[in-house]
Amino acid sequence: MKKINLLVTGCMGRMGQQIIKSVKSDKRFKLVAITENRIINKKIYGIKPSFNSEKIFKDINLIIDFTVPKCTFEVLKIAAKLKKRVVIGTTGFTKKEEDLIKKFSKKIPILKAGNMSLGINLLMYLTEITAATLGKNFLSKIYEIHHKHKKDYPSGTALMLGKGIAHGKNKNFYNLIGNKYLNKKKFPYGKKINFNSVRRGEIIGEHEVKFSSGKEIITLNHEAFDRALYSEGALSAARWLINKKPGLYSMRDLMNFK
């Protein structure tokens, strides 16, 4: 089986380092290049970090990008020109940026997910089903906890789950976004989806979706204990994407959910 030549961006970031670690123990991949947005004067697994450029992208098959939106679009511009596949785990995109990613996907295959965990994507699917089944009498809210280093909130995963609720209700997600709280002990349900984000310690990730009619509450939740589940999910996405035509895909497509 021919190995997939891989480039990992943001190699000094938490996820960048975790993905590199997972790649080195997976014989189906060959780590060809790693990039960072600053000069790094040391090698990582024998590879010197570089800046994103056409020269660095030339000999790779696929890029895995867990960085920030600005870097992601830098990557997409080069990838689109050289016809390279991209797995995007970056979060914090605006609606306008989401639309721009769709335009890039007309030229190259892109798999984008706010969370690469198979369990989280199953949770999103269950969230859709629950929202569709319960109907208008139930209000919903989303709670999430991440480590203190995470800057964006709500998390990309929380927004994914919000989209799951919207999809289940057959509504436009952006019209359903309610209040966004940070580090609140309690927060209310609303006619729209309210979010509460907690940034504390070194917690890898906890997400909870609640539905309430006032008479009963249904809770769906997921806890992550090892960052490797995200990197392994990203590698699963990479293997799946390598044979796909241009288009914008998600973990939902990989998991073959209807």
Protein backbone atom coordinates (compact mmCIF):
# COMPACT_ATOMS: atom_id res chain seq x y z
CA MET A 1 0.00 0.00 0.00
CA LYS A 2 1.40 3.35 -1.07
CA LYS A 3 1.96 5.74 1.81
CA ILE A 4 0.25 9.12 1.94
CA ASN A 5 2.79 11.96 1.87
CA LEU A 6 1.59 14.30 4.59
CA LEU A 7 2.18 17.89 5.64
CA VAL A 8 1.14 19.06 9.12
CA THR A 9 0.70 22.80 9.67
CA GLY A 10 1.01 24.52 13.05
CA CYS A 11 3.59 21.94 14.10
CA MET A 12 4.34 23.67 17.43
CA GLY A 13 0.70 23.85 18.48
CA ARG A 14 -0.97 21.34 20.79
CA MET A 15 -2.82 19.54 18.01
CA GLY A 16 0.05 19.88 15.56
CA GLN A 17 2.35 18.07 17.95
CA GLN A 18 -0.25 15.41 18.70
CA ILE A 19 -0.90 14.75 15.01
CA ILE A 20 2.83 14.43 14.30
CA LYS A 21 3.10 11.93 17.15
CA SER A 22 0.21 9.87 15.78
CA VAL A 23 1.57 10.02 12.22
CA LYS A 24 4.92 8.63 13.30
CA SER A 25 3.23 5.50 14.63
CA ASP A 26 0.99 4.99 11.57
CA LYS A 27 2.73 3.19 8.71
CA ARG A 28 0.10 4.33 6.21
CA PHE A 29 1.55 7.87 6.28
CA LYS A 30 4.89 9.47 5.55
CA LEU A 31 5.48 12.81 7.24
CA VAL A 32 7.16 14.83 4.49
CA ALA A 33 6.91 18.40 5.82
CA ILE A 34 5.80 20.48 8.80
CA THR A 35 5.13 24.21 8.91
CA GLU A 36 4.83 26.99 11.45
CA ASN A 37 4.25 30.76 11.21
CA ARG A 38 7.54 31.57 12.95
CA ILE A 39 11.16 30.50 12.67
CA ILE A 40 11.89 27.28 14.57
CA ASN A 41 15.58 26.46 14.86
CA LYS A 42 15.23 22.79 15.68
CA LYS A 43 14.14 19.63 13.92
CA ILE A 44 11.06 17.66 14.92
CA TYR A 45 11.38 13.95 14.19
CA GLY A 46 14.23 14.85 11.85
CA ILE A 47 12.24 17.46 9.89
CA LYS A 48 12.94 21.19 10.05
CA PRO A 49 9.79 23.34 10.23
CA SER A 50 9.21 25.71 7.31
CA PHE A 51 6.82 28.49 6.37
CA ASN A 52 3.85 27.61 4.12
CA SER A 53 4.96 27.86 0.49
CA GLU A 54 4.47 26.24 -2.91
CA LYS A 55 7.92 24.69 -2.64
CA ILE A 56 7.05 22.94 0.63
CA PHE A 57 3.64 21.80 -0.65
CA LYS A 58 4.97 20.42 -3.93
CA ASP A 59 5.72 16.80 -2.94
CA ILE A 60 2.87 16.14 -0.53
CA ASN A 61 -0.52 14.49 -1.12
CA LEU A 62 -2.50 16.00 1.72
CA ILE A 63 -2.35 18.71 4.40
CA ILE A 64 -3.77 18.47 7.91
CA ASP A 65 -4.43 21.94 9.31
CA PHE A 66 -5.23 22.70 12.96
CA THR A 67 -4.23 26.36 13.21
CA VAL A 68 -6.15 29.65 13.03
CA PRO A 69 -8.40 30.93 10.21
CA LYS A 70 -5.74 33.29 8.80
CA CYS A 71 -3.27 30.42 8.41
CA THR A 72 -5.94 28.06 7.07
CA PHE A 73 -6.70 30.40 4.17
CA GLU A 74 -3.01 30.77 3.45
CA VAL A 75 -2.87 26.98 3.23
CA LEU A 76 -6.01 26.75 1.07
CA LYS A 77 -4.70 29.25 -1.48
CA ILE A 78 -1.54 27.20 -2.05
CA ALA A 79 -3.36 23.87 -1.89
CA ALA A 80 -5.96 24.98 -4.45
CA LYS A 81 -3.24 26.11 -6.85
CA LEU A 82 -1.34 22.81 -6.54
CA LYS A 83 -4.46 20.61 -6.31
CA LYS A 84 -3.70 19.22 -2.84
CA ARG A 85 -6.25 17.74 -0.46
CA VAL A 86 -6.84 19.42 2.91
CA VAL A 87 -8.23 18.20 6.24
CA ILE A 88 -9.28 21.22 8.34
CA GLY A 89 -9.63 20.99 12.10
CA THR A 90 -9.26 24.74 12.63
CA THR A 91 -12.19 26.45 14.37
CA GLY A 92 -13.44 30.01 14.85
CA PHE A 93 -14.48 30.77 11.25
CA THR A 94 -17.05 33.47 10.49
CA LYS A 95 -19.99 32.73 8.18
CA LYS A 96 -18.21 34.66 5.42
CA GLU A 97 -15.10 32.51 5.91
CA GLU A 98 -17.21 29.34 5.89
CA ASP A 99 -18.61 30.41 2.51
CA LEU A 100 -15.08 31.03 1.22
CA ILE A 101 -14.05 27.49 2.22
CA LYS A 102 -16.97 26.19 0.14
CA LYS A 103 -15.56 28.04 -2.87
CA PHE A 104 -12.14 26.44 -2.38
CA SER A 105 -13.82 23.01 -2.18
CA LYS A 106 -14.97 23.37 -5.78
CA LYS A 107 -11.31 23.07 -6.77
CA ILE A 108 -9.97 20.55 -4.24
CA PRO A 109 -11.30 17.91 -1.81
CA ILE A 110 -11.66 19.39 1.69
CA LEU A 111 -12.84 17.64 4.83
CA LYS A 112 -13.67 20.13 7.56
CA ALA A 113 -14.83 19.33 11.08
CA GLY A 114 -14.99 21.34 14.28
CA ASN A 115 -14.09 18.10 16.02
CA MET A 116 -12.43 14.98 14.58
CA SER A 117 -13.58 12.65 17.36
CA LEU A 118 -15.81 9.83 16.10
CA GLY A 119 -17.70 10.00 19.41
CA ILE A 120 -18.41 13.72 19.08
CA ASN A 121 -19.67 13.26 15.54
CA LEU A 122 -21.96 10.50 16.76
CA LEU A 123 -23.15 12.94 19.45
CA MET A 124 -23.93 15.51 16.77
CA TYR A 125 -25.97 12.94 14.86
CA LEU A 126 -27.90 12.04 18.02
CA THR A 127 -28.41 15.77 18.68
CA GLU A 128 -30.04 16.18 15.27
CA ILE A 129 -32.33 13.21 15.84
CA THR A 130 -33.30 14.45 19.32
CA ALA A 131 -34.03 17.99 18.12
CA ALA A 132 -36.15 16.68 15.26
CA THR A 133 -38.04 14.25 17.50
CA LEU A 134 -38.79 16.54 20.45
CA GLY A 135 -40.22 19.40 18.41
CA LYS A 136 -41.10 22.97 19.41
CA ASN A 137 -42.02 22.34 23.04
CA PHE A 138 -38.38 21.78 24.05
CA LEU A 139 -35.79 24.53 24.51
CA SER A 140 -32.09 23.71 24.20
CA LYS A 141 -28.70 24.93 25.42
CA ILE A 142 -25.08 23.84 25.05
CA TYR A 143 -22.35 23.69 27.69
CA GLU A 144 -18.65 23.07 27.02
CA ILE A 145 -15.38 22.99 28.97
CA HIS A 146 -11.86 23.24 27.56
CA HIS A 147 -8.37 23.91 28.85
CA LYS A 148 -7.41 27.46 29.85
CA HIS A 149 -5.23 27.90 26.73
CA LYS A 150 -8.16 27.70 24.29
CA LYS A 151 -8.96 31.19 23.03
CA ASP A 152 -12.10 30.88 20.92
CA TYR A 153 -15.55 30.39 22.42
CA PRO A 154 -17.98 28.81 21.96
CA SER A 155 -15.76 25.95 20.81
CA GLY A 156 -15.98 24.68 17.25
CA THR A 157 -17.53 21.53 18.67
CA ALA A 158 -20.21 23.47 20.55
CA LEU A 159 -21.08 25.28 17.34
CA MET A 160 -21.21 21.94 15.52
CA LEU A 161 -23.71 20.70 18.08
CA GLY A 162 -25.70 23.90 17.68
CA LYS A 163 -25.84 23.26 13.94
CA GLY A 164 -27.06 19.77 14.78
CA ILE A 165 -29.97 21.25 16.73
CA ALA A 166 -30.74 23.67 13.90
CA HIS A 167 -30.62 20.91 11.30
CA GLY A 168 -32.95 18.77 13.39
CA LYS A 169 -35.40 21.67 13.65
CA ASN A 170 -34.97 22.49 9.95
CA LYS A 171 -33.86 26.02 10.87
CA ASN A 172 -30.99 28.31 9.87
CA PHE A 173 -28.33 27.91 12.55
CA TYR A 174 -27.18 31.53 12.45
CA ASN A 175 -30.74 32.65 13.18
CA LEU A 176 -30.84 30.36 16.23
CA ILE A 177 -27.66 31.57 17.96
CA GLY A 178 -28.55 33.01 21.34
CA ASN A 179 -26.32 34.33 24.13
CA LYS A 180 -22.68 33.27 24.43
CA TYR A 181 -21.58 33.07 28.06
CA LEU A 182 -18.06 32.56 29.40
CA ASN A 183 -17.25 30.85 32.71
CA LYS A 184 -20.78 31.01 34.11
CA LYS A 185 -21.82 28.52 36.81
CA LYS A 186 -25.41 28.55 35.54
CA PHE A 187 -27.02 29.82 32.36
CA PRO A 188 -30.62 29.80 31.08
CA TYR A 189 -32.47 28.06 28.31
CA GLY A 190 -33.85 30.40 25.67
CA LYS A 191 -35.99 30.49 22.57
CA LYS A 192 -32.64 30.50 20.78
CA ILE A 193 -29.65 28.28 21.60
CA ASN A 194 -27.61 29.67 24.49
CA PHE A 195 -23.97 28.63 24.91
CA ASN A 196 -21.80 28.56 28.03
CA SER A 197 -18.04 28.05 27.65
CA VAL A 198 -15.74 27.31 30.58
CA ARG A 199 -11.95 27.63 30.28
CA ARG A 200 -10.23 25.83 33.13
CA GLY A 201 -7.06 23.87 33.88
CA GLU A 202 -5.89 21.34 31.31
CA ILE A 203 -9.26 19.77 30.49
CA ILE A 204 -9.19 18.24 27.00
CA GLY A 205 -12.88 18.65 26.27
CA GLU A 206 -16.38 18.15 27.65
CA HIS A 207 -19.59 18.91 25.75
CA GLU A 208 -23.19 18.72 26.85
CA VAL A 209 -26.46 19.35 25.00
CA LYS A 210 -29.61 19.78 27.06
CA PHE A 211 -33.25 19.83 25.95
CA SER A 212 -35.96 20.93 28.37
CA SER A 213 -39.76 21.16 28.18
CA GLY A 214 -39.99 22.53 31.72
CA LYS A 215 -41.34 19.15 32.82
CA GLU A 216 -38.37 16.99 31.81
CA ILE A 217 -34.77 17.33 30.63
CA ILE A 218 -32.88 15.20 28.13
CA THR A 219 -29.08 15.41 28.31
CA LEU A 220 -26.56 14.25 25.71
CA ASN A 221 -22.89 14.51 26.61
CA HIS A 222 -19.33 13.52 25.65
CA GLU A 223 -16.05 13.67 27.58
CA ALA A 224 -12.58 13.41 26.04
CA PHE A 225 -9.68 12.04 28.11
CA ASP A 226 -6.91 11.73 25.51
CA ARG A 227 -6.00 14.24 22.79
CA ALA A 228 -4.97 11.31 20.58
CA LEU A 229 -8.62 10.66 19.76
CA TYR A 230 -8.63 13.92 17.77
CA SER A 231 -5.39 13.22 15.91
CA GLU A 232 -6.42 9.65 15.13
CA GLY A 233 -9.75 10.96 13.85
CA ALA A 234 -7.87 13.44 11.64
CA LEU A 235 -5.78 10.61 10.18
CA SER A 236 -8.95 8.61 9.51
CA ALA A 237 -10.28 11.67 7.70
CA ALA A 238 -7.06 11.93 5.68
CA ARG A 239 -7.20 8.29 4.58
CA TRP A 240 -10.85 8.68 3.58
CA LEU A 241 -10.31 11.96 1.71
CA ILE A 242 -7.35 10.81 -0.36
CA ASN A 243 -9.58 9.16 -2.98
CA LYS A 244 -12.34 11.75 -3.08
CA LYS A 245 -13.22 14.26 -5.80
CA PRO A 246 -13.32 18.03 -5.13
CA GLY A 247 -16.02 18.93 -2.63
CA LEU A 248 -16.62 19.93 0.98
CA TYR A 249 -16.91 16.90 3.23
CA SER A 250 -17.41 16.30 6.94
CA MET A 251 -16.92 13.50 9.45
CA ARG A 252 -20.59 12.79 8.87
CA ASP A 253 -19.72 11.72 5.33
CA LEU A 254 -16.85 9.56 6.59
CA MET A 255 -19.11 7.85 9.13
CA ASN A 256 -21.81 7.40 6.47
CA PHE A 257 -24.60 9.00 8.48
CA LYS A 258 -27.73 9.73 6.46
